[in-house]
Amino acid sequence: MRELFFPILLSAQVAVLALAIVAPLGVLVAWLQASRAHPLRRLVDVLVLLPMLLPPTVLGFFLVLACGRRGPVGRVLEEVFGVRLIFTPAAAVVASGIVAFPVLVKAAQPAMEAVPRELIDVGRSLGLGPVAVFFRVVLRWCWRSVATGLLLAFVRALGEFGATMMFAGMIPGVTNTMPLEIFALYQRAEDDRALVYVGVLVLVSIMTAWLASRAGELRGGPR
């Protein structure tokens, strides 16, 4: 029974941790991109979009080069902190977070760009600082879009396959998330068990799509 439920629990843990890491950074990048025309704006847009455009295996390959035991980041982590990242559940979190990051940014940024400028100006005229303006004006206006982005990013992290396989590996009882387990079961012709994980992922995806659609219908300002 543990063998059956382990990939489900691991996938959920990986997706939650990835989202916890990505959420503040993604929302911050979305707000910075939406609120000001800085010189690096186009470059940041390109870097944000890259994980969506590159094949996941390419992302995984770069992660191995950078964070593997012989990579610059991996070597520092292991020699200085005694931490090995590659082929661990933490590697799955990193891989899932990278592919989920642009989903959140690209869902939140247009909504933040649509916040009426006069509302922000009024907030500032009332003495609100940048942080207070963001939470009390911007986020209050577009929280549904941000919530939708968080949901979509969570599902993207939950279903990550290619980068996870390259960087975390497919180690039974350690890094075998649901997408990796489906692949392994398919190779062993264990379709009945694979259908369990397929069903879970399909159900979560349908629920997320419904919630995202519902949020889109309700969008249009604070309530």
Protein backbone atom coordinates (compact mmCIF):
# COMPACT_ATOMS: atom_id res chain seq x y z
CA MET A 1 0.00 0.00 0.00
CA ARG A 2 2.84 2.38 0.85
CA GLU A 3 4.36 1.64 -2.54
CA LEU A 4 1.10 2.68 -4.19
CA PHE A 5 0.62 5.93 -2.29
CA PHE A 6 4.25 7.05 -2.11
CA PRO A 7 4.35 8.68 -5.61
CA ILE A 8 1.12 10.56 -4.86
CA LEU A 9 2.36 11.90 -1.53
CA LEU A 10 5.79 12.71 -2.92
CA SER A 11 4.33 14.57 -5.90
CA ALA A 12 2.09 16.61 -3.60
CA GLN A 13 4.99 17.45 -1.28
CA VAL A 14 7.24 18.40 -4.19
CA ALA A 15 4.57 20.62 -5.76
CA VAL A 16 3.74 22.35 -2.47
CA LEU A 17 7.40 23.04 -1.66
CA ALA A 18 8.10 24.21 -5.21
CA LEU A 19 5.13 26.57 -5.04
CA ALA A 20 6.21 27.87 -1.63
CA ILE A 21 9.59 28.80 -3.11
CA VAL A 22 8.26 30.13 -6.42
CA ALA A 23 5.24 32.08 -5.14
CA PRO A 24 6.94 35.09 -3.51
CA LEU A 25 9.60 35.35 -6.20
CA GLY A 26 7.11 34.94 -9.04
CA VAL A 27 4.69 37.52 -7.67
CA LEU A 28 7.57 39.95 -7.06
CA VAL A 29 8.92 39.54 -10.61
CA ALA A 30 5.42 39.94 -12.06
CA TRP A 31 4.92 43.18 -10.12
CA LEU A 32 8.33 44.59 -11.04
CA GLN A 33 7.74 43.77 -14.71
CA ALA A 34 4.26 45.30 -14.61
CA SER A 35 5.06 48.43 -12.64
CA ARG A 36 8.18 49.90 -14.21
CA ALA A 37 10.00 50.10 -17.54
CA HIS A 38 13.53 49.21 -16.43
CA PRO A 39 16.42 48.59 -18.87
CA LEU A 40 16.44 44.83 -18.25
CA ARG A 41 12.70 44.38 -18.70
CA ARG A 42 12.97 42.61 -22.06
CA LEU A 43 15.82 40.41 -20.87
CA VAL A 44 13.85 39.40 -17.77
CA ASP A 45 10.87 38.55 -19.99
CA VAL A 46 13.08 36.28 -22.08
CA LEU A 47 14.54 34.55 -19.02
CA VAL A 48 11.09 34.04 -17.54
CA LEU A 49 9.76 32.51 -20.75
CA LEU A 50 12.72 30.20 -21.39
CA PRO A 51 11.58 27.38 -19.07
CA MET A 52 8.29 27.31 -20.99
CA LEU A 53 9.99 27.18 -24.38
CA LEU A 54 12.93 24.87 -23.79
CA PRO A 55 12.34 21.11 -23.71
CA PRO A 56 12.20 19.95 -20.07
CA THR A 57 15.09 17.55 -20.70
CA VAL A 58 17.24 20.51 -21.75
CA LEU A 59 16.38 22.26 -18.48
CA GLY A 60 17.28 19.08 -16.64
CA PHE A 61 20.57 18.87 -18.49
CA PHE A 62 21.48 22.43 -17.49
CA LEU A 63 20.53 21.67 -13.89
CA VAL A 64 22.84 18.65 -13.91
CA LEU A 65 25.67 20.75 -15.35
CA ALA A 66 25.19 23.50 -12.77
CA CYS A 67 24.08 21.59 -9.69
CA GLY A 68 25.52 18.12 -10.22
CA ARG A 69 28.38 16.95 -8.04
CA ARG A 70 30.92 18.31 -10.55
CA GLY A 71 28.95 21.47 -11.34
CA PRO A 72 29.88 24.85 -9.78
CA VAL A 73 26.77 25.10 -7.61
CA GLY A 74 26.69 21.41 -6.72
CA ARG A 75 30.38 21.41 -5.76
CA VAL A 76 29.92 24.40 -3.43
CA LEU A 77 26.85 22.88 -1.81
CA GLU A 78 28.63 19.60 -1.16
CA GLU A 79 32.04 20.91 -0.10
CA VAL A 80 30.87 23.87 1.99
CA PHE A 81 27.50 22.74 3.34
CA GLY A 82 27.72 18.98 2.95
CA VAL A 83 24.55 18.93 0.85
CA ARG A 84 24.11 16.80 -2.26
CA LEU A 85 21.26 18.08 -4.41
CA ILE A 86 21.24 15.84 -7.47
CA PHE A 87 19.19 12.60 -7.28
CA THR A 88 17.29 13.72 -4.18
CA PRO A 89 13.69 14.86 -3.55
CA ALA A 90 15.08 18.39 -3.23
CA ALA A 91 16.23 18.14 -6.85
CA ALA A 92 12.65 17.34 -7.83
CA VAL A 93 11.51 20.46 -5.98
CA VAL A 94 14.05 22.61 -7.84
CA ALA A 95 13.11 21.16 -11.23
CA SER A 96 9.39 21.56 -10.58
CA GLY A 97 9.84 25.10 -9.29
CA ILE A 98 11.75 26.19 -12.39
CA VAL A 99 9.05 24.98 -14.79
CA ALA A 100 6.24 26.39 -12.60
CA PHE A 101 7.81 29.84 -12.22
CA PRO A 102 6.92 31.27 -15.66
CA VAL A 103 3.35 29.98 -15.39
CA LEU A 104 2.81 32.09 -12.27
CA VAL A 105 4.56 35.18 -13.63
CA LYS A 106 2.69 35.16 -16.95
CA ALA A 107 -0.66 34.68 -15.21
CA ALA A 108 -0.12 37.47 -12.69
CA GLN A 109 1.72 40.10 -14.75
CA PRO A 110 -1.11 41.08 -17.18
CA ALA A 111 -3.53 41.47 -14.27
CA MET A 112 -1.09 43.70 -12.41
CA GLU A 113 -0.56 45.77 -15.53
CA ALA A 114 -4.34 46.28 -15.69
CA VAL A 115 -4.58 47.79 -12.20
CA PRO A 116 -5.83 51.40 -12.67
CA ARG A 117 -2.92 53.75 -12.20
CA GLU A 118 -5.09 56.27 -10.39
CA LEU A 119 -5.74 53.76 -7.61
CA ILE A 120 -2.01 53.37 -7.05
CA ASP A 121 -1.55 57.15 -7.10
CA VAL A 122 -4.35 57.60 -4.56
CA GLY A 123 -2.74 55.02 -2.29
CA ARG A 124 0.58 56.81 -2.48
CA SER A 125 -1.07 60.19 -1.85
CA LEU A 126 -2.54 58.73 1.35
CA GLY A 127 0.98 57.94 2.57
CA LEU A 128 1.13 54.25 1.74
CA GLY A 129 4.61 52.87 1.09
CA PRO A 130 5.44 50.52 -1.81
CA VAL A 131 4.73 47.38 0.23
CA ALA A 132 1.42 48.71 1.52
CA VAL A 133 0.41 49.83 -1.98
CA PHE A 134 1.13 46.37 -3.31
CA PHE A 135 -0.85 44.48 -0.66
CA ARG A 136 -3.69 46.96 -0.09
CA VAL A 137 -4.21 48.17 -3.65
CA VAL A 138 -2.57 46.01 -6.31
CA LEU A 139 -3.09 42.58 -4.77
CA ARG A 140 -6.62 43.46 -3.65
CA TRP A 141 -7.46 44.36 -7.25
CA CYS A 142 -5.95 41.33 -9.00
CA TRP A 143 -5.89 38.62 -6.31
CA ARG A 144 -8.03 36.29 -8.43
CA SER A 145 -5.48 36.31 -11.26
CA VAL A 146 -2.65 35.74 -8.80
CA ALA A 147 -4.59 32.88 -7.19
CA THR A 148 -5.22 31.40 -10.64
CA GLY A 149 -1.51 31.65 -11.42
CA LEU A 150 -0.68 29.87 -8.18
CA LEU A 151 -3.12 27.06 -9.01
CA LEU A 152 -1.74 26.65 -12.52
CA ALA A 153 1.83 26.72 -11.23
CA PHE A 154 0.99 24.05 -8.65
CA VAL A 155 -0.44 21.73 -11.30
CA ARG A 156 2.54 22.37 -13.59
CA ALA A 157 4.88 21.44 -10.73
CA LEU A 158 2.76 18.38 -9.93
CA GLY A 159 3.04 17.09 -13.49
CA GLU A 160 6.69 17.89 -14.18
CA PHE A 161 8.52 14.99 -15.85
CA GLY A 162 11.51 15.70 -18.10
CA ALA A 163 13.62 18.00 -15.92
CA THR A 164 12.81 15.90 -12.85
CA MET A 165 13.93 12.69 -14.53
CA MET A 166 17.22 14.26 -15.61
CA PHE A 167 18.02 16.00 -12.32
CA ALA A 168 16.31 13.95 -9.61
CA GLY A 169 16.38 10.57 -11.31
CA MET A 170 13.77 7.84 -11.07
CA ILE A 171 14.70 6.18 -7.76
CA PRO A 172 11.89 4.04 -6.30
CA GLY A 173 10.88 5.18 -2.85
CA VAL A 174 13.00 8.33 -3.13
CA THR A 175 12.28 10.45 -6.22
CA ASN A 176 9.58 8.56 -8.13
CA THR A 177 6.90 11.22 -8.49
CA MET A 178 3.65 10.33 -10.24
CA PRO A 179 4.76 11.30 -13.77
CA LEU A 180 7.97 9.28 -13.38
CA GLU A 181 6.07 6.34 -11.92
CA ILE A 182 3.62 6.38 -14.84
CA PHE A 183 6.55 6.14 -17.25
CA ALA A 184 8.14 3.29 -15.29
CA LEU A 185 4.85 1.37 -15.04
CA TYR A 186 4.21 1.83 -18.75
CA GLN A 187 7.60 0.32 -19.52
CA ARG A 188 6.72 -2.67 -17.33
CA ALA A 189 3.25 -2.98 -18.91
CA GLU A 190 1.57 -2.36 -15.52
CA ASP A 191 -1.20 -0.28 -17.04
CA ASP A 192 -3.75 -0.82 -14.27
CA ARG A 193 -1.55 0.74 -11.62
CA ALA A 194 -0.43 3.50 -13.98
CA LEU A 195 -4.09 4.41 -14.47
CA VAL A 196 -4.33 5.28 -10.76
CA TYR A 197 -1.75 8.03 -11.12
CA VAL A 198 -3.11 9.11 -14.48
CA GLY A 199 -6.53 9.44 -12.87
CA VAL A 200 -5.18 11.54 -10.01
CA LEU A 201 -3.35 13.92 -12.36
CA VAL A 202 -6.32 14.20 -14.73
CA LEU A 203 -8.72 14.88 -11.85
CA VAL A 204 -6.47 17.58 -10.37
CA SER A 205 -6.01 19.15 -13.82
CA ILE A 206 -9.77 19.22 -14.48
CA MET A 207 -10.48 20.77 -11.09
CA THR A 208 -7.78 23.38 -11.66
CA ALA A 209 -9.09 24.21 -15.13
CA TRP A 210 -12.60 24.63 -13.71
CA LEU A 211 -11.38 26.89 -10.91
CA ALA A 212 -9.28 28.94 -13.32
CA SER A 213 -12.28 29.35 -15.63
CA ARG A 214 -14.46 30.34 -12.68
CA ALA A 215 -11.89 32.90 -11.53
CA GLY A 216 -11.81 34.32 -15.05
CA GLU A 217 -15.59 34.84 -14.99
CA LEU A 218 -15.36 36.66 -11.66
CA ARG A 219 -12.36 38.78 -12.62
CA GLY A 220 -12.62 42.51 -12.98
CA GLY A 221 -11.64 44.18 -9.75
CA PRO A 222 -11.94 43.79 -6.01
CA ARG A 223 -15.07 42.57 -4.27
